[in-house]
């Protein structure tokens, strides 16, 4: 059954026939504004966009999220640093990159020339490093928002990731919000392996986050039963990697659902949610939308299908039309209305 099969049509009240897919309004809330459609890439899965541009026009995506950028260049972790798992991918690249200065001077102008709307993923070992990277992006062409990778070890807090604690997450968002262009949305990217993702979300929104990205990868380890050693960096170093792909989708949908529920209950100010984690099809994307996301990021699927972001966009459009939705926003959080 295709996403547009009329047998899955759900009448929404005012629509007697499914609308034409091309007529569906995919305008997506983003920060305090909108993007032309809800699909972006997940950080780390499309580099700076150069490789992906060989397969699709970057300007046709709602936005493109860069790999996470740090203040200084980073070589990343020792190899091997990627391992396949059932229904997923375990990666421990270690945020390899050329640093914020190179990005601003060489990569961002290239993206802007192609009409890409750029959501820049940032990380730092301290609150000050996050803020410095954000400040460097003020007034730069093509940038539509900042995504703060809070799943990064905090050098000032025994190496614990910022996202593990509502207070440290709050501090990063507040510091970035204070120095970033007021017109530039700031999204906090949340980790699922915390005591309460809702508590962290509330802290980030109180600190001034204009949106939330959910979720980052889950930590995992893979053991090679032939070598009897971990498959990531077996010669030493960190053997834990981040699990992404279809295996984590139910966890990601749960996190989005819980945070959107807190917003509906008035426990947290309402901001747009960018959902991610195992999205391969338009129906996967629709799950996140129904849970409360107004945007979606395609990540691991890009590695075996570089056209996946645009394919997911087309399939989501068809799925919305088949269910009687004339606008994307009409479907956001609808799963909550059934309870």
Protein backbone atom coordinates (compact mmCIF):
# COMPACT_ATOMS: atom_id res chain seq x y z
CA UNK A 1 0.00 0.00 0.00
CA UNK A 2 1.49 3.36 -0.98
CA UNK A 3 1.49 6.44 1.21
CA UNK A 4 -1.22 7.91 -1.00
CA UNK A 5 -3.50 4.84 -1.03
CA UNK A 6 -7.07 6.16 -0.57
CA UNK A 7 -7.88 3.29 1.79
CA UNK A 8 -5.89 5.07 4.50
CA UNK A 9 -7.78 8.36 4.07
CA UNK A 10 -8.99 9.84 7.33
CA UNK A 11 -11.64 12.53 7.00
CA UNK A 12 -10.70 15.58 9.06
CA UNK A 13 -14.12 17.20 9.11
CA UNK A 14 -14.17 19.84 6.39
CA UNK A 15 -12.61 17.77 3.62
CA UNK A 16 -14.76 15.21 1.83
CA UNK A 17 -12.10 14.02 -0.61
CA UNK A 18 -8.35 13.72 -0.11
CA UNK A 19 -6.66 16.87 -1.42
CA UNK A 20 -4.23 16.69 -4.29
CA UNK A 21 -0.77 15.98 -2.89
CA UNK A 22 0.81 18.88 -4.77
CA UNK A 23 -1.67 21.26 -3.11
CA UNK A 24 -0.69 20.32 0.46
CA UNK A 25 0.84 23.30 2.27
CA UNK A 26 4.11 22.06 3.73
CA UNK A 27 5.10 25.39 5.32
CA UNK A 28 6.73 24.44 8.60
CA UNK A 29 7.03 26.43 11.84
CA UNK A 30 10.68 27.13 12.65
CA UNK A 31 11.68 29.19 15.65
CA UNK A 32 9.45 32.23 15.47
CA UNK A 33 9.12 32.00 11.69
CA UNK A 34 8.67 29.36 9.02
CA UNK A 35 10.54 27.30 6.45
CA UNK A 36 9.10 26.28 3.06
CA UNK A 37 8.96 22.62 4.09
CA UNK A 38 9.74 20.55 7.19
CA UNK A 39 12.63 18.37 6.00
CA UNK A 40 16.28 18.89 6.90
CA UNK A 41 19.29 16.63 7.27
CA UNK A 42 20.54 15.36 10.61
CA UNK A 43 23.85 16.75 11.82
CA UNK A 44 26.82 14.63 10.80
CA UNK A 45 25.05 12.82 7.97
CA UNK A 46 25.59 15.27 5.10
CA UNK A 47 28.90 16.89 6.02
CA UNK A 48 28.91 20.52 4.96
CA UNK A 49 26.59 19.67 2.07
CA UNK A 50 29.10 19.37 -0.76
CA UNK A 51 28.70 15.62 -1.23
CA UNK A 52 24.93 15.73 -0.89
CA UNK A 53 24.68 18.49 -3.52
CA UNK A 54 25.77 15.94 -6.13
CA UNK A 55 22.47 14.11 -5.61
CA UNK A 56 19.88 16.79 -4.93
CA UNK A 57 19.43 20.58 -5.02
CA UNK A 58 20.07 21.74 -1.46
CA UNK A 59 17.65 24.66 -1.87
CA UNK A 60 14.73 22.22 -2.25
CA UNK A 61 15.09 21.11 1.36
CA UNK A 62 13.52 23.14 4.12
CA UNK A 63 17.04 23.48 5.47
CA UNK A 64 20.31 21.58 5.65
CA UNK A 65 21.90 20.89 9.01
CA UNK A 66 25.69 20.90 9.00
CA UNK A 67 27.85 18.42 10.81
CA UNK A 68 28.65 19.67 14.28
CA UNK A 69 31.19 22.49 14.26
CA UNK A 70 33.56 23.30 17.10
CA UNK A 71 35.72 26.31 17.85
CA UNK A 72 38.95 24.60 16.82
CA UNK A 73 39.67 21.92 14.18
CA UNK A 74 39.32 18.34 15.40
CA UNK A 75 40.89 15.19 13.93
CA UNK A 76 38.23 12.90 15.39
CA UNK A 77 38.66 9.48 16.95
CA UNK A 78 40.84 6.59 15.86
CA UNK A 79 39.50 4.15 13.29
CA UNK A 80 37.53 1.98 12.96
CA UNK A 81 34.82 4.34 14.17
CA UNK A 82 31.68 3.10 12.41
CA UNK A 83 29.96 -0.28 12.82
CA UNK A 84 26.69 -1.57 11.41
CA UNK A 85 24.17 -3.10 13.80
CA UNK A 86 20.77 -4.71 13.20
CA UNK A 87 18.50 -1.83 12.11
CA UNK A 88 21.09 0.75 12.99
CA UNK A 89 24.53 2.27 12.78
CA UNK A 90 26.99 2.76 15.62
CA UNK A 91 29.37 5.66 15.06
CA UNK A 92 32.14 7.21 17.08
CA UNK A 93 33.64 9.72 14.69
CA UNK A 94 34.36 12.23 17.43
CA UNK A 95 33.13 15.41 15.72
CA UNK A 96 35.90 15.56 13.14
CA UNK A 97 35.89 18.99 11.51
CA UNK A 98 37.85 22.00 10.36
CA UNK A 99 36.60 24.47 12.99
CA UNK A 100 34.32 27.50 12.95
CA UNK A 101 36.76 29.84 11.19
CA UNK A 102 37.14 27.57 8.16
CA UNK A 103 33.40 26.95 8.06
CA UNK A 104 32.61 30.67 7.96
CA UNK A 105 35.27 31.46 5.38
CA UNK A 106 35.00 28.48 3.02
CA UNK A 107 31.90 26.35 3.54
CA UNK A 108 29.14 28.80 4.41
CA UNK A 109 29.62 31.03 1.32
CA UNK A 110 29.47 27.90 -0.87
CA UNK A 111 26.18 26.86 0.75
CA UNK A 112 24.73 30.37 0.47
CA UNK A 113 25.54 30.50 -3.25
CA UNK A 114 23.36 27.44 -3.74
CA UNK A 115 20.41 28.90 -1.90
CA UNK A 116 20.67 26.50 1.02
CA UNK A 117 19.00 27.47 4.26
CA UNK A 118 21.61 26.44 6.80
CA UNK A 119 20.97 25.19 10.32
CA UNK A 120 24.43 25.19 11.89
CA UNK A 121 25.15 22.50 14.47
CA UNK A 122 27.51 23.74 17.20
CA UNK A 123 29.35 22.17 20.12
CA UNK A 124 31.97 23.17 22.66
CA UNK A 125 33.80 21.84 25.69
CA UNK A 126 32.56 24.81 27.70
CA UNK A 127 29.70 27.26 27.74
CA UNK A 128 32.10 29.91 26.50
CA UNK A 129 33.05 27.84 23.43
CA UNK A 130 29.40 27.41 22.46
CA UNK A 131 28.91 31.16 22.75
CA UNK A 132 32.05 31.98 20.76
CA UNK A 133 30.95 29.78 17.87
CA UNK A 134 27.49 31.31 17.89
CA UNK A 135 28.89 34.84 17.88
CA UNK A 136 31.02 34.02 14.82
CA UNK A 137 27.87 33.26 12.82
CA UNK A 138 26.12 36.59 13.38
CA UNK A 139 25.41 38.30 10.08
CA UNK A 140 26.65 35.38 7.99
CA UNK A 141 24.78 34.58 4.74
CA UNK A 142 22.49 31.58 4.48
CA UNK A 143 22.26 30.84 8.21
CA UNK A 144 18.65 30.32 9.34
CA UNK A 145 19.33 28.91 12.79
CA UNK A 146 21.71 27.37 15.32
CA UNK A 147 21.42 23.84 16.69
CA UNK A 148 23.27 23.27 19.96
CA UNK A 149 24.66 19.76 20.27
CA UNK A 150 24.28 19.32 24.01
CA UNK A 151 25.48 15.69 23.88
CA UNK A 152 29.04 16.92 24.12
CA UNK A 153 31.37 16.31 27.10
CA UNK A 154 31.57 19.25 29.45
CA UNK A 155 35.22 19.83 30.34
CA UNK A 156 34.17 21.79 33.44
CA UNK A 157 31.90 19.03 34.79
CA UNK A 158 33.96 15.80 34.93
CA UNK A 159 33.32 15.07 31.27
CA UNK A 160 29.56 14.66 31.68
CA UNK A 161 27.60 15.76 28.64
CA UNK A 162 25.72 19.05 28.91
CA UNK A 163 22.43 17.33 28.02
CA UNK A 164 22.59 15.08 31.08
CA UNK A 165 21.60 17.94 33.36
CA UNK A 166 18.85 20.56 33.01
CA UNK A 167 21.05 23.20 34.67
CA UNK A 168 24.03 22.80 32.34
CA UNK A 169 21.75 22.64 29.32
CA UNK A 170 20.10 25.85 30.51
CA UNK A 171 23.48 27.57 30.85
CA UNK A 172 24.54 26.75 27.27
CA UNK A 173 21.27 27.91 25.73
CA UNK A 174 21.22 31.09 27.80
CA UNK A 175 24.81 31.97 26.89
CA UNK A 176 24.20 31.42 23.18
CA UNK A 177 20.91 33.29 23.22
CA UNK A 178 22.64 36.28 24.79
CA UNK A 179 25.26 36.62 22.03
CA UNK A 180 23.45 35.30 18.95
CA UNK A 181 21.54 37.51 16.55
CA UNK A 182 18.07 37.94 18.13
CA UNK A 183 16.51 37.08 14.76
CA UNK A 184 18.38 33.77 14.56
CA UNK A 185 16.47 30.81 16.09
CA UNK A 186 18.40 28.72 18.61
CA UNK A 187 17.49 25.03 18.83
CA UNK A 188 18.66 22.77 21.67
CA UNK A 189 19.42 19.21 20.59
CA UNK A 190 18.42 16.84 23.37
CA UNK A 191 19.78 13.42 24.35
CA UNK A 192 17.43 10.50 25.10
CA UNK A 193 19.60 8.80 27.75
CA UNK A 194 18.71 11.16 30.59
CA UNK A 195 16.55 10.86 33.67
CA UNK A 196 13.86 13.13 32.19
CA UNK A 197 14.08 14.53 28.68
CA UNK A 198 11.08 16.69 29.53
CA UNK A 199 12.90 18.37 32.41
CA UNK A 200 15.87 19.15 30.14
CA UNK A 201 13.50 20.48 27.47
CA UNK A 202 11.79 22.76 29.99
CA UNK A 203 15.16 24.13 31.16
CA UNK A 204 16.25 24.86 27.58
CA UNK A 205 13.02 26.66 26.74
CA UNK A 206 13.23 28.72 29.94
CA UNK A 207 16.76 29.71 28.90
CA UNK A 208 15.47 31.06 25.59
CA UNK A 209 15.54 28.13 23.17
CA UNK A 210 13.35 28.90 20.15
CA UNK A 211 13.00 25.22 19.31
CA UNK A 212 14.07 21.70 20.27
CA UNK A 213 15.81 19.03 18.18
CA UNK A 214 14.96 15.49 19.31
CA UNK A 215 16.77 13.20 19.57
CA UNK A 216 20.50 12.68 19.45
CA UNK A 217 21.96 9.18 19.21
CA UNK A 218 21.85 6.56 21.98
CA UNK A 219 25.16 5.30 23.40
CA UNK A 220 26.01 1.70 22.55
CA UNK A 221 28.79 -0.86 22.20
CA UNK A 222 29.25 -3.60 19.59
CA UNK A 223 31.50 -6.61 20.22
CA UNK A 224 33.08 -8.50 17.32
CA UNK A 225 32.60 -12.20 18.10
CA UNK A 226 35.49 -13.19 15.81
CA UNK A 227 38.14 -10.85 17.22
CA UNK A 228 36.50 -10.92 20.67
CA UNK A 229 37.05 -7.15 20.91
CA UNK A 230 34.88 -4.04 20.58
CA UNK A 231 34.37 -3.09 16.93
CA UNK A 232 34.97 0.62 17.56
CA UNK A 233 38.61 1.58 18.18
CA UNK A 234 39.67 -1.96 19.26
CA UNK A 235 43.28 -0.82 19.68
CA UNK A 236 42.30 1.55 22.45
CA UNK A 237 40.31 4.68 23.11
CA UNK A 238 36.57 5.09 23.40
CA UNK A 239 34.64 2.00 22.33
CA UNK A 240 31.21 3.57 22.91
CA UNK A 241 29.46 4.96 19.85
CA UNK A 242 26.20 6.68 19.08
CA UNK A 243 23.42 4.41 17.82
CA UNK A 244 21.28 5.85 15.03
CA UNK A 245 18.87 4.47 12.44
CA UNK A 246 15.51 2.66 12.61
CA UNK A 247 16.37 0.94 15.88
CA UNK A 248 15.99 4.20 17.83
CA UNK A 249 12.84 5.52 16.17
CA UNK A 250 10.38 4.39 18.89
CA UNK A 251 12.57 6.05 21.52
CA UNK A 252 12.72 9.26 19.49
CA UNK A 253 8.95 9.33 18.91
CA UNK A 254 8.40 8.76 22.63
CA UNK A 255 10.62 11.70 23.53
CA UNK A 256 8.86 14.02 21.07
CA UNK A 257 5.48 12.83 22.31
CA UNK A 258 6.34 13.44 25.98
CA UNK A 259 7.76 16.91 25.43
CA UNK A 260 4.85 17.97 23.21
CA UNK A 261 2.47 16.65 25.89
CA UNK A 262 4.19 18.86 28.46
CA UNK A 263 3.71 21.84 26.15
CA UNK A 264 0.02 21.02 25.68
CA UNK A 265 -0.38 20.75 29.45
CA UNK A 266 1.14 24.19 29.96
CA UNK A 267 4.16 22.80 31.80
CA UNK A 268 6.50 24.20 29.15
CA UNK A 269 6.19 27.09 26.73
CA UNK A 270 5.33 25.88 23.24
CA UNK A 271 8.17 25.94 20.72
CA UNK A 272 8.60 24.01 17.47
CA UNK A 273 10.12 20.53 17.70
CA UNK A 274 12.45 19.11 15.04
CA UNK A 275 12.08 15.33 15.22
CA UNK A 276 14.76 12.85 14.19
CA UNK A 277 15.85 9.29 14.75
CA UNK A 278 15.43 6.48 12.23
CA UNK A 279 13.37 8.32 9.62
CA UNK A 280 13.51 6.40 6.31
CA UNK A 281 10.08 7.06 4.78
CA UNK A 282 7.33 9.63 4.65
CA UNK A 283 5.28 7.53 7.05
CA UNK A 284 8.16 7.56 9.53
CA UNK A 285 8.17 11.35 9.25
CA UNK A 286 4.41 11.42 9.74
CA UNK A 287 4.78 9.54 13.03
CA UNK A 288 6.99 12.31 14.36
CA UNK A 289 4.57 14.98 13.13
CA UNK A 290 1.61 13.28 14.81
CA UNK A 291 3.66 13.03 18.01
CA UNK A 292 4.24 16.79 17.96
CA UNK A 293 7.13 17.61 15.62
CA UNK A 294 6.69 20.37 13.05
CA UNK A 295 9.93 19.47 11.28
CA UNK A 296 11.89 16.27 10.66
CA UNK A 297 15.54 15.44 10.00
CA UNK A 298 16.71 12.56 7.81
CA UNK A 299 20.07 11.16 8.88
CA UNK A 300 21.37 7.62 8.66
CA UNK A 301 19.19 6.83 5.64
CA UNK A 302 21.34 9.25 3.60
CA UNK A 303 24.31 6.88 3.77
CA UNK A 304 22.67 4.33 1.48
CA UNK A 305 20.26 6.69 -0.30
CA UNK A 306 21.56 10.26 -0.71
CA UNK A 307 18.22 11.27 -2.24
CA UNK A 308 16.37 10.20 0.92
CA UNK A 309 15.57 13.72 2.22
CA UNK A 310 13.66 14.71 -0.93
CA UNK A 311 12.07 11.27 -1.22
CA UNK A 312 10.85 11.50 2.38
CA UNK A 313 9.48 14.97 1.64
CA UNK A 314 7.50 13.69 -1.35
CA UNK A 315 6.22 10.68 0.59
CA UNK A 316 5.20 12.86 3.54
CA UNK A 317 3.27 15.14 1.19
CA UNK A 318 1.44 12.13 -0.27
CA UNK A 319 0.76 10.67 3.17
CA UNK A 320 -0.75 13.94 4.42
CA UNK A 321 -2.95 14.24 1.33
CA UNK A 322 -4.12 10.64 1.65
CA UNK A 323 -5.26 11.36 5.19
CA UNK A 324 -7.13 14.51 4.27
CA UNK A 325 -4.65 17.12 5.49
CA UNK A 326 -4.45 20.30 3.44
CA UNK A 327 -1.65 21.66 5.67
CA UNK A 328 1.25 20.09 7.51
CA UNK A 329 0.41 22.12 10.60
CA UNK A 330 -3.03 20.46 10.84
CA UNK A 331 -1.31 17.14 11.60
CA UNK A 332 1.19 18.39 14.20
CA UNK A 333 0.45 16.72 17.53
CA UNK A 334 -2.78 15.13 16.34
CA UNK A 335 -1.98 11.84 18.09
CA UNK A 336 -2.53 13.64 21.39
CA UNK A 337 -6.11 14.48 20.44
CA UNK A 338 -7.06 10.81 20.47
CA UNK A 339 -6.53 10.48 24.22
